[in-house]
Protein backbone atom coordinates (compact mmCIF):
# COMPACT_ATOMS: atom_id res chain seq x y z
CA MET A 1 8.34 0.26 -10.22
CA PRO A 2 7.98 -3.56 -9.89
CA GLY A 3 10.59 -6.05 -8.80
CA ARG A 4 9.79 -9.58 -9.86
CA THR A 5 10.77 -12.83 -11.51
CA GLU A 6 9.95 -13.26 -15.16
CA GLN A 7 10.07 -16.30 -17.41
CA LEU A 8 11.80 -15.76 -20.74
CA GLY A 9 12.71 -18.66 -22.95
CA GLY A 10 12.53 -21.10 -20.05
CA THR A 11 15.05 -19.23 -17.86
CA THR A 12 14.35 -16.79 -15.06
CA LEU A 13 15.20 -13.14 -15.41
CA LEU A 14 17.02 -11.43 -12.54
CA ARG A 15 17.13 -7.65 -12.42
CA PHE A 16 19.93 -6.40 -10.20
CA ALA A 17 21.57 -3.06 -9.52
CA THR A 18 25.10 -2.30 -8.39
CA ALA A 19 26.27 0.47 -6.08
CA GLY A 20 29.40 1.45 -4.24
CA SER A 21 31.51 4.37 -3.14
CA VAL A 22 34.01 6.00 -5.49
CA ASP A 23 37.11 3.87 -6.25
CA ASP A 24 35.79 0.78 -4.49
CA GLY A 25 36.23 -1.15 -7.74
CA LYS A 26 32.56 -1.53 -8.64
CA SER A 27 32.96 -1.01 -12.38
CA THR A 28 35.97 -3.33 -12.45
CA LEU A 29 33.98 -6.01 -10.64
CA MET A 30 31.09 -5.66 -13.10
CA GLY A 31 33.49 -5.71 -16.04
CA ARG A 32 35.14 -8.84 -14.67
CA LEU A 33 31.73 -10.43 -14.17
CA LEU A 34 30.71 -9.74 -17.77
CA HIS A 35 34.09 -10.87 -19.11
CA ASP A 36 34.25 -14.10 -17.13
CA ALA A 37 30.60 -14.87 -17.93
CA LYS A 38 31.60 -14.61 -21.61
CA SER A 39 29.05 -11.85 -22.15
CA VAL A 40 31.25 -9.24 -23.85
CA PRO A 41 30.74 -8.80 -27.62
CA GLU A 42 33.95 -9.00 -29.63
CA ASP A 43 33.66 -5.46 -31.01
CA GLN A 44 33.16 -4.02 -27.52
CA TRP A 45 36.19 -5.86 -26.21
CA GLU A 46 38.26 -4.52 -29.08
CA ALA A 47 37.10 -0.99 -28.21
CA VAL A 48 38.19 -1.50 -24.59
CA GLU A 49 41.60 -2.74 -25.77
CA ARG A 50 42.00 0.33 -28.01
CA SER A 51 41.02 2.63 -25.16
CA ALA A 52 43.57 0.98 -22.87
CA ALA A 53 46.26 1.37 -25.54
CA ASP A 54 45.41 5.06 -25.94
CA ARG A 55 45.94 5.51 -22.20
CA GLY A 56 49.22 3.67 -22.26
CA GLN A 57 47.91 0.79 -20.14
CA THR A 58 49.48 -2.64 -20.52
CA SER A 59 46.19 -4.52 -20.08
CA PRO A 60 42.53 -3.75 -20.84
CA ASP A 61 40.62 -1.82 -18.20
CA LEU A 62 37.60 -3.99 -17.35
CA ALA A 63 35.80 -1.01 -15.83
CA LEU A 64 35.28 0.40 -19.33
CA LEU A 65 32.85 -2.44 -20.09
CA THR A 66 30.27 -0.65 -17.94
CA ASP A 67 31.56 2.95 -17.92
CA GLY A 68 30.11 3.75 -21.32
CA LEU A 69 30.01 7.54 -21.45
CA ARG A 70 32.98 9.42 -22.89
CA ALA A 71 33.13 11.61 -19.76
CA GLU A 72 33.24 8.50 -17.58
CA ARG A 73 36.06 6.96 -19.58
CA GLU A 74 38.09 10.15 -19.44
CA GLN A 75 37.59 10.66 -15.68
CA GLY A 76 37.60 7.01 -14.66
CA ILE A 77 34.30 7.34 -12.79
CA THR A 78 30.70 6.24 -13.30
CA ILE A 79 28.21 9.06 -13.88
CA ASP A 80 25.13 7.65 -15.58
CA VAL A 81 23.19 4.43 -14.98
CA ALA A 82 24.67 1.90 -17.40
CA TYR A 83 22.35 -0.96 -18.31
CA ARG A 84 23.76 -4.26 -19.53
CA TYR A 85 21.90 -7.36 -20.63
CA PHE A 86 23.63 -10.73 -20.45
CA THR A 87 22.82 -14.42 -20.25
CA THR A 88 24.40 -17.52 -18.76
CA THR A 89 23.27 -21.12 -19.06
CA ARG A 90 21.31 -20.74 -15.83
CA ARG A 91 19.67 -17.32 -15.99
CA ARG A 92 19.13 -14.05 -17.87
CA PHE A 93 20.17 -10.77 -16.30
CA ILE A 94 19.51 -7.06 -16.55
CA LEU A 95 22.31 -5.19 -14.79
CA ALA A 96 21.95 -1.54 -13.77
CA ASP A 97 25.37 -0.15 -12.86
CA THR A 98 24.80 3.02 -10.84
CA PRO A 99 27.22 5.84 -9.89
CA GLY A 100 29.18 5.98 -6.66
CA HIS A 101 29.50 9.75 -6.22
CA VAL A 102 27.29 11.37 -3.57
CA GLN A 103 25.90 13.87 -6.10
CA TYR A 104 24.62 10.99 -8.22
CA THR A 105 22.83 9.11 -5.42
CA ARG A 106 19.57 9.96 -7.21
CA ASN A 107 20.72 7.75 -10.11
CA MET A 108 20.67 4.77 -7.78
CA VAL A 109 16.94 5.33 -7.28
CA THR A 110 16.51 4.83 -11.02
CA GLY A 111 18.66 1.72 -11.14
CA ALA A 112 17.30 0.04 -8.01
CA SER A 113 13.62 0.89 -8.49
CA THR A 114 12.99 -2.28 -10.53
CA ALA A 115 15.69 -4.45 -8.96
CA ASP A 116 15.25 -7.83 -7.29
CA LEU A 117 18.71 -7.54 -5.77
CA VAL A 118 21.35 -4.88 -5.07
CA LEU A 119 25.05 -5.73 -5.28
CA LEU A 120 26.88 -3.28 -3.02
CA VAL A 121 30.66 -3.04 -3.34
CA VAL A 122 33.02 -1.82 -0.59
CA ASP A 123 36.81 -1.45 -0.52
CA ALA A 124 38.29 -3.87 2.02
CA ARG A 125 40.77 -1.17 3.08
CA ASN A 126 38.02 1.34 3.94
CA GLY A 127 35.15 -0.90 4.99
CA VAL A 128 31.67 0.54 5.51
CA VAL A 129 31.71 4.27 4.76
CA GLU A 130 29.00 6.94 4.69
CA GLN A 131 28.17 6.31 1.03
CA THR A 132 27.81 2.59 1.79
CA ARG A 133 25.19 3.42 4.40
CA ARG A 134 23.50 5.84 2.01
CA HIS A 135 23.19 3.20 -0.71
CA ALA A 136 21.89 0.63 1.74
CA ALA A 137 19.28 3.09 3.01
CA VAL A 138 18.09 3.84 -0.52
CA ALA A 139 17.80 0.11 -1.26
CA ALA A 140 15.78 -0.35 1.91
CA LEU A 141 13.49 2.55 1.02
CA LEU A 142 12.85 1.00 -2.39
CA ARG A 143 12.19 -2.33 -0.66
CA VAL A 144 14.70 -4.27 -2.73
CA PRO A 145 14.33 -7.75 -1.23
CA GLN A 146 17.96 -8.96 -1.41
CA MET A 147 21.39 -7.41 -0.97
CA VAL A 148 24.86 -8.78 -1.68
CA LEU A 149 27.90 -7.12 -0.06
CA ALA A 150 31.03 -7.63 -2.17
CA VAL A 151 34.04 -6.85 0.04
CA ASN A 152 36.40 -6.00 -2.82
CA LYS A 153 40.17 -5.47 -3.16
CA MET A 154 40.87 -8.24 -0.68
CA ASP A 155 44.29 -8.61 -2.32
CA LEU A 156 45.24 -5.23 -0.84
CA VAL A 157 44.59 -6.47 2.73
CA HIS A 158 46.50 -9.74 2.19
CA HIS A 159 43.25 -11.70 1.78
CA ALA A 160 42.75 -11.51 5.54
CA GLU A 161 39.68 -13.35 6.78
CA ALA A 162 39.52 -11.14 9.89
CA VAL A 163 39.13 -8.01 7.76
CA PHE A 164 36.29 -9.55 5.79
CA THR A 165 34.53 -10.81 8.92
CA ARG A 166 34.71 -7.39 10.59
CA ILE A 167 33.30 -5.54 7.57
CA ALA A 168 30.57 -8.13 6.97
CA LYS A 169 29.50 -7.97 10.62
CA GLU A 170 29.40 -4.17 10.70
CA PHE A 171 27.36 -3.94 7.50
CA THR A 172 24.98 -6.74 8.48
CA GLU A 173 24.15 -4.99 11.75
CA TYR A 174 23.44 -1.71 9.95
CA ALA A 175 21.42 -3.33 7.15
CA SER A 176 19.41 -5.28 9.71
CA GLU A 177 18.26 -2.02 11.28
CA LEU A 178 17.04 -0.93 7.84
CA GLY A 179 14.91 -4.06 7.54
CA ILE A 180 16.65 -5.50 4.48
CA PRO A 181 15.27 -9.06 4.35
CA GLU A 182 18.35 -10.90 3.11
CA ILE A 183 22.04 -10.02 3.25
CA THR A 184 24.91 -12.04 1.75
CA ALA A 185 28.60 -11.07 2.00
CA ILE A 186 31.28 -12.30 -0.43
CA PRO A 187 35.05 -11.48 -0.37
CA THR A 188 36.36 -10.53 -3.84
CA ALA A 189 39.40 -9.22 -5.70
CA ALA A 190 37.84 -8.09 -8.96
CA LEU A 191 41.08 -7.18 -10.68
CA PHE A 192 42.19 -10.82 -10.55
CA GLY A 193 38.73 -12.41 -10.70
CA ASP A 194 38.83 -13.89 -7.18
CA ASN A 195 35.35 -15.10 -6.18
CA VAL A 196 33.72 -13.20 -9.05
CA ALA A 197 33.03 -16.09 -11.42
CA ALA A 198 35.58 -18.57 -10.07
CA PRO A 199 36.57 -19.50 -6.50
CA SER A 200 39.69 -17.85 -5.11
CA ALA A 201 42.71 -19.98 -4.28
CA ALA A 202 44.05 -17.10 -2.20
CA MET A 203 40.98 -17.16 0.10
CA SER A 204 40.62 -20.86 0.82
CA TRP A 205 38.96 -19.98 4.14
CA TYR A 206 35.87 -18.88 2.19
CA ASP A 207 33.75 -21.74 0.86
CA GLY A 208 30.58 -19.84 -0.06
CA PRO A 209 29.32 -19.00 -3.55
CA THR A 210 31.07 -16.73 -6.01
CA VAL A 211 29.26 -13.56 -7.09
CA LEU A 212 28.12 -15.15 -10.36
CA GLU A 213 27.04 -18.38 -8.68
CA HIS A 214 24.96 -16.45 -6.17
CA LEU A 215 23.33 -14.36 -8.91
CA GLU A 216 22.57 -17.50 -10.90
CA THR A 217 21.11 -19.53 -8.05
CA THR A 218 19.51 -17.13 -5.58
CA PRO A 219 15.73 -17.57 -5.50
CA VAL A 220 13.95 -14.52 -6.81
CA GLY A 221 10.69 -14.04 -4.96
CA ASP A 222 8.43 -11.03 -4.77
CA ASP A 223 6.04 -12.50 -7.31
CA PRO A 224 3.14 -10.05 -7.76
CA THR A 225 0.78 -12.64 -9.25
CA PRO A 226 -1.07 -13.39 -5.94
CA CYS A 227 -1.61 -9.66 -5.36
CA PRO A 228 -4.76 -7.76 -6.37
CA ALA A 229 -4.94 -7.21 -10.11
CA ARG A 230 -4.08 -3.74 -11.42
CA PHE A 231 -4.47 -2.86 -15.10
CA PRO A 232 -3.52 0.73 -16.06
CA VAL A 233 -5.04 1.58 -19.45
CA GLN A 234 -2.42 2.75 -21.95
CA TYR A 235 -4.45 2.96 -25.14
CA VAL A 236 -8.06 2.65 -26.35
CA ILE A 237 -8.38 0.50 -29.47
CA ARG A 238 -11.29 1.31 -31.81
CA PRO A 239 -10.67 -0.01 -35.35
CA ARG A 240 -12.25 1.98 -38.17
CA SER A 241 -12.87 -1.00 -40.43
CA ALA A 242 -16.37 -2.30 -41.08
CA GLU A 243 -15.28 -5.77 -39.96
CA HIS A 244 -14.46 -4.50 -36.46
CA ALA A 245 -16.96 -1.66 -36.23
CA ASP A 246 -18.22 -2.79 -32.81
CA TYR A 247 -14.79 -3.55 -31.33
CA ARG A 248 -13.65 -1.48 -28.35
CA GLY A 249 -10.66 -2.65 -26.34
CA TYR A 250 -8.37 -1.25 -23.67
CA ALA A 251 -4.70 -2.05 -24.13
CA GLY A 252 -2.15 -2.09 -21.34
CA ARG A 253 0.12 -4.17 -19.15
CA LEU A 254 -1.12 -6.05 -16.11
CA THR A 255 1.21 -4.84 -13.34
CA SER A 256 0.06 -7.41 -10.77
CA GLY A 257 -2.46 -10.14 -10.14
CA VAL A 258 -4.61 -12.15 -12.54
CA LEU A 259 -7.68 -11.15 -14.57
CA ARG A 260 -10.17 -13.61 -16.01
CA VAL A 261 -13.01 -13.46 -18.51
CA GLY A 262 -16.31 -13.04 -16.64
CA GLU A 263 -14.71 -11.33 -13.64
CA PRO A 264 -16.49 -8.23 -12.22
CA VAL A 265 -14.24 -5.18 -12.43
CA THR A 266 -14.39 -1.47 -11.65
CA VAL A 267 -12.98 1.33 -13.78
CA LEU A 268 -11.25 4.01 -11.75
CA PRO A 269 -11.45 6.89 -11.04
CA SER A 270 -15.03 6.93 -12.41
CA GLY A 271 -16.06 3.96 -10.24
CA ARG A 272 -18.16 2.45 -13.04
CA PRO A 273 -18.61 -1.34 -12.71
CA SER A 274 -18.52 -3.86 -15.55
CA VAL A 275 -17.48 -7.41 -16.40
CA ILE A 276 -14.55 -8.61 -18.49
CA ALA A 277 -16.11 -9.82 -21.72
CA GLY A 278 -12.88 -10.84 -23.42
CA ILE A 279 -9.10 -10.76 -23.23
CA ASP A 280 -7.05 -10.47 -26.43
CA SER A 281 -3.33 -11.24 -26.60
CA LEU A 282 -0.87 -11.26 -29.49
CA ARG A 283 -1.73 -14.94 -29.98
CA GLY A 284 -5.47 -14.36 -29.99
CA PRO A 285 -8.26 -14.51 -27.40
CA VAL A 286 -7.38 -15.99 -23.99
CA ASP A 287 -9.37 -16.69 -20.84
CA THR A 288 -6.79 -15.37 -18.36
CA ALA A 289 -4.25 -12.56 -18.20
CA TRP A 290 -1.27 -12.89 -15.87
CA THR A 291 1.12 -10.43 -14.24
CA SER A 292 3.44 -8.64 -16.70
CA GLN A 293 1.40 -9.63 -19.75
CA SER A 294 0.45 -6.95 -22.26
CA VAL A 295 -3.12 -7.58 -23.36
CA THR A 296 -6.28 -5.86 -24.51
CA LEU A 297 -9.37 -6.07 -22.30
CA ARG A 298 -12.93 -5.94 -23.62
CA LEU A 299 -15.71 -4.98 -21.21
CA ALA A 300 -19.35 -6.04 -21.29
CA ASP A 301 -20.56 -2.43 -20.96
CA ASP A 302 -19.94 0.57 -23.19
CA LEU A 303 -18.16 2.78 -20.67
CA ASP A 304 -16.16 5.97 -21.06
CA VAL A 305 -12.66 4.59 -20.49
CA SER A 306 -9.51 6.42 -21.55
CA ARG A 307 -5.73 6.35 -21.09
CA GLY A 308 -4.83 6.82 -17.42
CA ASP A 309 -7.83 4.91 -16.08
CA LEU A 310 -7.22 1.81 -14.00
CA ILE A 311 -9.21 -1.42 -14.21
CA ALA A 312 -9.26 -3.57 -11.07
CA PRO A 313 -11.37 -6.40 -9.62
CA THR A 314 -14.37 -4.87 -7.89
CA ALA A 315 -13.80 -6.82 -4.67
CA VAL A 316 -10.23 -5.49 -4.20
CA ALA A 317 -10.27 -2.15 -6.00
CA PRO A 318 -7.94 0.50 -4.54
CA HIS A 319 -9.34 3.51 -2.72
CA LEU A 320 -9.35 6.89 -4.44
CA THR A 321 -7.50 9.80 -2.92
CA GLN A 322 -6.49 13.36 -3.70
CA ASP A 323 -4.24 13.77 -0.67
CA VAL A 324 -0.97 11.88 -1.11
CA THR A 325 1.54 11.50 1.73
CA ALA A 326 4.76 9.88 0.59
CA THR A 327 8.47 9.44 1.02
CA VAL A 328 10.27 10.91 -1.98
CA CYS A 329 13.74 11.17 -3.43
CA HIS A 330 14.33 14.52 -5.09
CA VAL A 331 16.30 13.97 -8.31
CA ALA A 332 16.32 17.43 -9.95
CA ASP A 333 18.87 20.20 -9.51
CA ARG A 334 16.10 22.73 -8.87
CA PRO A 335 14.68 22.46 -5.30
CA LEU A 336 11.20 21.21 -4.45
CA THR A 337 9.42 23.78 -2.27
CA ILE A 338 6.11 24.06 -0.44
CA GLY A 339 3.49 25.51 -2.74
CA ALA A 340 5.15 24.24 -5.91
CA ARG A 341 2.71 23.36 -8.69
CA VAL A 342 3.65 20.10 -10.35
CA LEU A 343 2.34 17.25 -12.47
CA LEU A 344 1.95 13.90 -10.74
CA LYS A 345 2.41 10.86 -12.97
CA HIS A 346 1.00 7.62 -11.58
CA THR A 347 1.17 4.59 -13.90
CA THR A 348 -0.38 5.92 -17.15
CA ARG A 349 -2.27 8.78 -15.50
CA THR A 350 -0.93 12.34 -15.16
CA VAL A 351 -2.73 15.00 -13.09
CA THR A 352 -1.93 18.48 -11.83
CA ALA A 353 -0.99 18.82 -8.17
CA ILE A 354 0.43 21.17 -5.55
CA VAL A 355 3.02 20.43 -2.84
CA ARG A 356 1.18 21.32 0.36
CA ASP A 357 3.86 20.41 2.90
CA ILE A 358 7.35 18.98 3.36
CA PRO A 359 7.20 17.63 6.93
CA SER A 360 10.73 16.22 7.15
CA ARG A 361 14.01 15.39 5.46
CA LEU A 362 15.91 12.18 6.13
CA ALA A 363 19.61 12.37 7.06
CA LEU A 364 21.06 9.19 5.62
CA ASP A 365 24.18 9.29 7.75
CA ASP A 366 22.29 8.81 11.03
CA LEU A 367 18.80 7.88 9.69
CA CYS A 368 17.20 10.72 11.64
CA GLU A 369 14.35 12.81 10.29
CA HIS A 370 14.94 16.56 10.38
CA PRO A 371 11.60 18.37 10.69
CA ARG A 372 10.40 21.26 8.52
CA PRO A 373 13.31 21.58 6.06
CA GLY A 374 11.27 23.97 3.90
CA ARG A 375 12.54 22.42 0.69
CA LEU A 376 14.26 19.38 -0.77
CA VAL A 377 17.36 19.66 -2.95
CA ALA A 378 18.99 17.14 -5.29
CA ASN A 379 19.55 13.71 -3.67
CA ASP A 380 17.44 14.61 -0.61
CA ILE A 381 15.01 12.03 0.73
CA GLY A 382 12.06 13.39 2.65
CA ARG A 383 8.35 13.29 3.38
CA VAL A 384 5.93 15.34 1.29
CA VAL A 385 2.19 15.96 1.24
CA VAL A 386 0.69 16.54 -2.20
CA ARG A 387 -2.86 17.54 -3.15
CA THR A 388 -3.98 16.44 -6.62
CA ALA A 389 -6.63 18.10 -8.77
CA GLU A 390 -8.20 14.73 -9.61
CA PRO A 391 -8.54 11.52 -7.60
CA LEU A 392 -5.95 8.76 -7.98
CA ALA A 393 -6.27 5.00 -7.53
CA LEU A 394 -3.08 4.81 -5.50
CA ASP A 395 -1.91 1.77 -3.54
CA ALA A 396 0.57 1.97 -0.68
CA TYR A 397 4.15 1.38 -1.85
CA ALA A 398 4.52 -1.24 0.87
CA ASP A 399 1.82 -3.24 -0.92
CA SER A 400 2.80 -2.57 -4.53
CA ARG A 401 5.98 -1.11 -5.99
CA SER A 402 4.08 -0.63 -9.28
CA THR A 403 0.93 1.21 -8.27
CA GLY A 404 2.37 2.70 -5.08
CA SER A 405 4.99 4.77 -6.87
CA PHE A 406 4.74 8.05 -8.76
CA LEU A 407 6.76 10.90 -10.25
CA LEU A 408 6.49 14.63 -9.73
CA ILE A 409 7.16 16.51 -12.98
CA ASP A 410 7.83 20.17 -13.78
CA PRO A 411 4.83 21.33 -15.85
CA ALA A 412 6.98 23.96 -17.59
CA ASP A 413 9.49 21.69 -19.30
CA GLY A 414 8.46 18.11 -18.44
CA ALA A 415 11.58 17.44 -16.36
CA THR A 416 11.31 14.80 -13.63
CA LEU A 417 11.62 16.41 -10.21
CA THR A 418 10.92 13.74 -7.64
CA ALA A 419 10.33 9.99 -7.33
CA GLY A 420 7.72 9.12 -4.71
CA MET A 421 6.63 6.10 -2.66
CA ALA A 422 3.08 6.52 -1.42
CA GLY A 423 2.46 6.09 2.28
CA GLU A 424 6.03 4.94 2.91
CA ALA A 425 7.44 6.18 6.21
CA PHE A 426 11.13 5.52 6.79
CA THR A 427 12.05 4.19 10.21
CA ARG A 428 14.73 1.93 11.56
CA ARG A 429 13.14 -1.46 11.64
CA ARG A 430 13.83 -5.16 11.63
CA ALA A 431 11.82 -7.05 9.05
CA GLN A 432 9.81 -10.01 10.26
CA GLY A 433 11.44 -13.24 9.18
CA GLU A 434 14.66 -11.38 8.32
CA ARG A 435 17.52 -13.64 7.42
CA THR A 436 21.26 -12.98 7.48
CA VAL A 437 23.21 -15.42 5.32
CA ASP A 438 26.25 -17.21 6.71
CA ARG A 439 29.14 -16.19 4.44
CA ARG A 440 30.89 -19.56 4.94
CA ARG A 441 28.14 -21.62 3.30
CA PRO A 442 26.31 -21.43 -0.02
CA THR A 443 22.97 -19.67 0.27
CA GLY A 444 19.73 -21.57 0.40
CA SER A 445 16.19 -20.39 0.00
CA ALA A 446 15.24 -16.75 0.37
CA GLY A 447 14.03 -15.40 3.68
CA THR A 448 10.40 -14.59 4.12
CA GLY A 449 10.80 -10.88 4.77
CA GLU A 450 7.90 -8.56 4.12
CA GLU A 451 5.75 -9.72 1.24
CA GLN A 452 5.63 -7.11 -1.50
CA CYS A 453 3.67 -7.15 -4.73
């Protein structure tokens, strides 16, 4: 579950997720952002206008630009994770708009798992509520490096600077305890577009960036290229033609690090050593493979390598383990219990496993761990101990969001039960080098925080 910067067509790609309590105006803010960034297709805008007319509304409901499901449109709430892709002159974006209801907290795990930034929306009339804290805690667990607090509906509190300052201070103190590396607060009134894509004349006391400006200009760090290389094998390529009779390649995507021709590597879990004999890309043979590239590796030795194996530099290969201790978010309606037999999916490898223990469950309202809950139910976050039938090349989630994450799956029907973060223990903490952004000035460079691959 990597968070990173990517280069596409000469512009950086920012992945960000949104969250907020019910009726805080999150979908309206996202709709306004898309509309004012001129990223709404004409046919979609016409559909929103028709929907507004059917409801008897005098103006289009911007929330419908992200609330895509029929049930969401009828109820006026967000249920599923709605993904939107849009581009400005400065940057490309992938937006994951996640639900606000407590029962859909698990959906935020999906949306934020690959995010570089979380945009958290609060109603200026209500301030920081329990669901605000819950969303912030989930973002901290997933080690999302940046967070923006949009204090929305400022028009309903007379654009009062004191209200904004109080809410921003309260949230910053709470988020600091979670160890979120960078926090930025922006006052908004999404219905009228104040500080969304254009500065607000009604809040002249605020001279920081708008939401769009911050998204376009914030540095996106967390580059996994300097980290140890990890190459999960997705497919073994063995052409049947006489021309390529001796060809044997291993296709996949390099989740972190750099691999070079001639580099000694180890295939896991077998532990067999070899050397990279060649790297093939869509453009032909290359000498080097970089993070996020999909390539085919050729090894100097004829080894038994199959889907689910992991190729890593011999000097920094991960340790193998069959005993996995992790923090997990349970996403299924059926409970997770001690003794449950499951499938554990890690990168491209899936193995059978058994839940040996559930030591604790995290209460997100007070961030206390409740010991021996016996089971985890939907939206619960807790600690689990899992024993796998076969060894896994598992990194700690603190070191790699890609190879430190896994899923627990129901072997009966293939349903996803739980999302896990290996070795991750949740405690109140203050990240080294943590930085809180002054809301009265445009943001500068990102804080150092905890480096994460």
